[in-house]
Amino acid sequence: MTNTRQDEGSPMMLQFEKSCRAADLKVTHQRLEVYRELVQAKDHPSAEMLYKRILKKLPTISLDTVYRTLATLEKHGLIVRIQAVSSQARFEAKITIHHHAVCSNCGAIIDFTWDSFDKMPLPSELNGWGKINKRNAILEGTCHTCSAKS
């Protein structure tokens, strides 16, 4: 497939294509567009937000395709689902270790690192529970913008 977009040869897009092939996933135009939009997004978009953005570039895409693509990419560890305050899941392509602060008023999400949390020993209640695969902190509160409005 030929793509004239500037980010076609970017390291993230090349790694994405390689990861898809390693997972035995076809590198479809729809998957590329969903992933590309997630890479470019700074706001941790929902499926509906992604759909509206991609629809401008790919008018034939359906909301169902976006949902199915997100589910597939998440299943294969290529993207991350952020379960925020609202019932609507948000997504990102950043898979390095980091955490999120979520504004419970406007829904804004920011990334942050927390080395001491990541290195902290687990509580004794978890001894013998099983294997922990991931630590993820989601802090909920009110952002500066919303605080200034009230």
C-alpha atoms as a PDB file:
ATOM      1  CA  MET A   1       0.000   0.000   0.000  1.00  0.00           C
ATOM      2  CA  THR A   2       1.348   3.395  -0.926  1.00  0.00           C
ATOM      3  CA  ASN A   3       0.786   6.201   1.530  1.00  0.00           C
ATOM      4  CA  THR A   4       1.815   9.769   0.883  1.00  0.00           C
ATOM      5  CA  ARG A   5       1.487  10.913   4.506  1.00  0.00           C
ATOM      6  CA  GLN A   6       4.620  12.332   6.078  1.00  0.00           C
ATOM      7  CA  ASP A   7       4.616   9.931   9.030  1.00  0.00           C
ATOM      8  CA  GLU A   8       4.513   6.828   6.814  1.00  0.00           C
ATOM      9  CA  GLY A   9       8.155   6.008   7.491  1.00  0.00           C
ATOM     10  CA  SER A  10       8.209   7.184  11.108  1.00  0.00           C
ATOM     11  CA  PRO A  11       9.764   4.768  13.601  1.00  0.00           C
ATOM     12  CA  MET A  12       6.441   4.309  15.432  1.00  0.00           C
ATOM     13  CA  MET A  13       4.543   3.499  12.242  1.00  0.00           C
ATOM     14  CA  LEU A  14       7.254   1.119  11.038  1.00  0.00           C
ATOM     15  CA  GLN A  15       7.278  -0.590  14.458  1.00  0.00           C
ATOM     16  CA  PHE A  16       3.480  -0.803  14.377  1.00  0.00           C
ATOM     17  CA  GLU A  17       3.536  -2.532  10.989  1.00  0.00           C
ATOM     18  CA  LYS A  18       6.242  -4.911  12.205  1.00  0.00           C
ATOM     19  CA  SER A  19       4.266  -5.673  15.387  1.00  0.00           C
ATOM     20  CA  CYS A  20       1.101  -6.319  13.376  1.00  0.00           C
ATOM     21  CA  ARG A  21       2.888  -8.783  11.150  1.00  0.00           C
ATOM     22  CA  ALA A  22       4.472 -10.500  14.166  1.00  0.00           C
ATOM     23  CA  ALA A  23       0.977 -10.868  15.672  1.00  0.00           C
ATOM     24  CA  ASP A  24      -0.320 -12.229  12.346  1.00  0.00           C
ATOM     25  CA  LEU A  25      -2.517  -9.162  11.829  1.00  0.00           C
ATOM     26  CA  LYS A  26      -3.035  -7.711   8.386  1.00  0.00           C
ATOM     27  CA  VAL A  27      -1.772  -4.149   8.033  1.00  0.00           C
ATOM     28  CA  THR A  28      -4.986  -2.653   6.721  1.00  0.00           C
ATOM     29  CA  HIS A  29      -5.576   0.964   5.791  1.00  0.00           C
ATOM     30  CA  GLN A  30      -8.128   1.236   8.611  1.00  0.00           C
ATOM     31  CA  ARG A  31      -5.703  -0.109  11.230  1.00  0.00           C
ATOM     32  CA  LEU A  32      -2.999   2.245  10.009  1.00  0.00           C
ATOM     33  CA  GLU A  33      -5.335   5.248  10.210  1.00  0.00           C
ATOM     34  CA  VAL A  34      -6.594   4.367  13.704  1.00  0.00           C
ATOM     35  CA  TYR A  35      -3.070   3.845  14.990  1.00  0.00           C
ATOM     36  CA  ARG A  36      -1.734   6.950  13.216  1.00  0.00           C
ATOM     37  CA  GLU A  37      -4.455   9.067  14.789  1.00  0.00           C
ATOM     38  CA  LEU A  38      -3.657   7.648  18.233  1.00  0.00           C
ATOM     39  CA  VAL A  39       0.057   8.384  17.784  1.00  0.00           C
ATOM     40  CA  GLN A  40      -0.721  11.987  16.861  1.00  0.00           C
ATOM     41  CA  ALA A  41      -3.359  12.516  19.569  1.00  0.00           C
ATOM     42  CA  LYS A  42      -2.406  14.185  22.821  1.00  0.00           C
ATOM     43  CA  ASP A  43      -5.872  13.957  24.371  1.00  0.00           C
ATOM     44  CA  HIS A  44      -6.320  10.185  24.819  1.00  0.00           C
ATOM     45  CA  PRO A  45      -9.361  10.039  22.498  1.00  0.00           C
ATOM     46  CA  SER A  46     -12.402   7.808  22.829  1.00  0.00           C
ATOM     47  CA  ALA A  47     -13.516   5.563  19.962  1.00  0.00           C
ATOM     48  CA  GLU A  48     -16.107   8.150  18.977  1.00  0.00           C
ATOM     49  CA  MET A  49     -13.533  10.958  18.952  1.00  0.00           C
ATOM     50  CA  LEU A  50     -11.209   8.854  16.784  1.00  0.00           C
ATOM     51  CA  TYR A  51     -14.055   7.994  14.432  1.00  0.00           C
ATOM     52  CA  LYS A  52     -14.913  11.667  13.850  1.00  0.00           C
ATOM     53  CA  ARG A  53     -11.256  12.512  13.149  1.00  0.00           C
ATOM     54  CA  ILE A  54     -10.624   9.562  10.838  1.00  0.00           C
ATOM     55  CA  LEU A  55     -13.914  10.044   8.966  1.00  0.00           C
ATOM     56  CA  LYS A  56     -12.510  13.277   7.503  1.00  0.00           C
ATOM     57  CA  LYS A  57      -9.635  11.348   5.899  1.00  0.00           C
ATOM     58  CA  LEU A  58     -11.365   8.026   5.333  1.00  0.00           C
ATOM     59  CA  PRO A  59     -15.090   8.644   4.634  1.00  0.00           C
ATOM     60  CA  THR A  60     -15.864   4.941   4.215  1.00  0.00           C
ATOM     61  CA  ILE A  61     -14.826   3.922   7.738  1.00  0.00           C
ATOM     62  CA  SER A  62     -17.584   2.966  10.187  1.00  0.00           C
ATOM     63  CA  LEU A  63     -17.748   3.471  13.934  1.00  0.00           C
ATOM     64  CA  ASP A  64     -17.985  -0.299  14.289  1.00  0.00           C
ATOM     65  CA  THR A  65     -14.693  -0.682  12.404  1.00  0.00           C
ATOM     66  CA  VAL A  66     -13.021   1.782  14.766  1.00  0.00           C
ATOM     67  CA  TYR A  67     -14.332  -0.130  17.805  1.00  0.00           C
ATOM     68  CA  ARG A  68     -13.241  -3.497  16.388  1.00  0.00           C
ATOM     69  CA  THR A  69      -9.825  -2.108  15.410  1.00  0.00           C
ATOM     70  CA  LEU A  70      -9.262  -0.663  18.884  1.00  0.00           C
ATOM     71  CA  ALA A  71     -10.279  -3.970  20.499  1.00  0.00           C
ATOM     72  CA  THR A  72      -7.914  -5.924  18.238  1.00  0.00           C
ATOM     73  CA  LEU A  73      -4.981  -3.564  18.777  1.00  0.00           C
ATOM     74  CA  GLU A  74      -5.558  -3.589  22.537  1.00  0.00           C
ATOM     75  CA  LYS A  75      -5.787  -7.393  22.605  1.00  0.00           C
ATOM     76  CA  HIS A  76      -2.370  -7.588  20.939  1.00  0.00           C
ATOM     77  CA  GLY A  77      -0.794  -5.000  23.249  1.00  0.00           C
ATOM     78  CA  LEU A  78      -0.314  -2.406  20.506  1.00  0.00           C
ATOM     79  CA  ILE A  79      -2.390   0.286  22.247  1.00  0.00           C
ATOM     80  CA  VAL A  80      -3.591   0.954  25.799  1.00  0.00           C
ATOM     81  CA  ARG A  81      -7.149   1.466  27.052  1.00  0.00           C
ATOM     82  CA  ILE A  82      -7.504   4.025  29.814  1.00  0.00           C
ATOM     83  CA  GLN A  83     -10.568   3.477  31.938  1.00  0.00           C
ATOM     84  CA  ALA A  84     -11.368   7.025  32.976  1.00  0.00           C
ATOM     85  CA  VAL A  85     -13.997   8.599  35.208  1.00  0.00           C
ATOM     86  CA  SER A  86     -16.640   8.534  32.494  1.00  0.00           C
ATOM     87  CA  SER A  87     -18.056   5.306  31.173  1.00  0.00           C
ATOM     88  CA  GLN A  88     -16.306   5.983  27.874  1.00  0.00           C
ATOM     89  CA  ALA A  89     -12.921   4.291  27.520  1.00  0.00           C
ATOM     90  CA  ARG A  90     -10.081   6.392  26.142  1.00  0.00           C
ATOM     91  CA  PHE A  91      -7.089   5.103  24.183  1.00  0.00           C
ATOM     92  CA  GLU A  92      -3.443   5.855  23.502  1.00  0.00           C
ATOM     93  CA  ALA A  93      -0.573   4.436  21.488  1.00  0.00           C
ATOM     94  CA  LYS A  94       2.015   5.144  24.196  1.00  0.00           C
ATOM     95  CA  ILE A  95       2.843   1.788  25.775  1.00  0.00           C
ATOM     96  CA  THR A  96       5.821   2.799  27.905  1.00  0.00           C
ATOM     97  CA  ILE A  97       5.317   2.751  31.689  1.00  0.00           C
ATOM     98  CA  HIS A  98       3.398   5.824  32.798  1.00  0.00           C
ATOM     99  CA  HIS A  99       0.271   6.815  34.696  1.00  0.00           C
ATOM    100  CA  HIS A 100      -2.687   9.159  34.209  1.00  0.00           C
ATOM    101  CA  ALA A 101      -4.341  12.080  35.961  1.00  0.00           C
ATOM    102  CA  VAL A 102      -7.967  12.528  34.914  1.00  0.00           C
ATOM    103  CA  CYS A 103     -10.116  15.593  35.450  1.00  0.00           C
ATOM    104  CA  SER A 104     -13.478  14.366  36.728  1.00  0.00           C
ATOM    105  CA  ASN A 105     -15.085  17.577  35.479  1.00  0.00           C
ATOM    106  CA  CYS A 106     -13.931  17.988  31.832  1.00  0.00           C
ATOM    107  CA  GLY A 107     -12.373  14.549  31.238  1.00  0.00           C
ATOM    108  CA  ALA A 108      -8.904  15.874  30.338  1.00  0.00           C
ATOM    109  CA  ILE A 109      -6.188  13.254  30.803  1.00  0.00           C
ATOM    110  CA  ILE A 110      -2.462  13.870  31.241  1.00  0.00           C
ATOM    111  CA  ASP A 111       0.402  11.382  31.380  1.00  0.00           C
ATOM    112  CA  PHE A 112       2.971  11.336  34.170  1.00  0.00           C
ATOM    113  CA  THR A 113       5.716   9.065  35.437  1.00  0.00           C
ATOM    114  CA  TRP A 114       5.991   7.953  39.056  1.00  0.00           C
ATOM    115  CA  ASP A 115       9.199   6.023  39.612  1.00  0.00           C
ATOM    116  CA  SER A 116       8.729   5.519  43.363  1.00  0.00           C
ATOM    117  CA  PHE A 117       5.269   4.005  42.774  1.00  0.00           C
ATOM    118  CA  ASP A 118       6.634   1.723  40.063  1.00  0.00           C
ATOM    119  CA  LYS A 119       9.433   0.461  42.344  1.00  0.00           C
ATOM    120  CA  MET A 120       7.420   0.235  45.558  1.00  0.00           C
ATOM    121  CA  PRO A 121       6.976  -3.266  47.010  1.00  0.00           C
ATOM    122  CA  LEU A 122       3.475  -4.647  46.638  1.00  0.00           C
ATOM    123  CA  PRO A 123       1.219  -4.801  49.727  1.00  0.00           C
ATOM    124  CA  SER A 124       1.479  -8.013  51.758  1.00  0.00           C
ATOM    125  CA  GLU A 125      -2.195  -8.776  50.983  1.00  0.00           C
ATOM    126  CA  LEU A 126      -1.066  -9.644  47.469  1.00  0.00           C
ATOM    127  CA  ASN A 127       1.476 -12.248  48.586  1.00  0.00           C
ATOM    128  CA  GLY A 128       0.442 -15.527  47.069  1.00  0.00           C
ATOM    129  CA  TRP A 129      -2.291 -13.911  44.980  1.00  0.00           C
ATOM    130  CA  GLY A 130      -0.542 -14.553  41.688  1.00  0.00           C
ATOM    131  CA  LYS A 131       1.502 -12.661  39.116  1.00  0.00           C
ATOM    132  CA  ILE A 132       1.101  -8.902  38.712  1.00  0.00           C
ATOM    133  CA  ASN A 133       1.590  -7.969  35.047  1.00  0.00           C
ATOM    134  CA  LYS A 134       1.113  -4.234  35.195  1.00  0.00           C
ATOM    135  CA  ARG A 135       0.930  -1.375  37.676  1.00  0.00           C
ATOM    136  CA  ASN A 136      -1.197   1.535  36.656  1.00  0.00           C
ATOM    137  CA  ALA A 137      -2.195   4.547  38.727  1.00  0.00           C
ATOM    138  CA  ILE A 138      -5.134   6.666  37.661  1.00  0.00           C
ATOM    139  CA  LEU A 139      -5.488   9.799  39.734  1.00  0.00           C
ATOM    140  CA  GLU A 140      -8.825  11.590  39.606  1.00  0.00           C
ATOM    141  CA  GLY A 141      -9.367  15.208  40.498  1.00  0.00           C
ATOM    142  CA  THR A 142     -10.020  18.633  39.043  1.00  0.00           C
ATOM    143  CA  CYS A 143      -7.614  20.215  36.562  1.00  0.00           C
ATOM    144  CA  HIS A 144      -6.412  23.833  36.870  1.00  0.00           C
ATOM    145  CA  THR A 145      -8.674  24.996  34.044  1.00  0.00           C
ATOM    146  CA  CYS A 146     -11.815  23.623  35.693  1.00  0.00           C
ATOM    147  CA  SER A 147     -10.719  24.818  39.146  1.00  0.00           C
ATOM    148  CA  ALA A 148     -10.275  28.356  37.785  1.00  0.00           C
ATOM    149  CA  LYS A 149     -13.812  28.331  36.354  1.00  0.00           C
ATOM    150  CA  SER A 150     -15.459  27.530  39.678  1.00  0.00           C
END
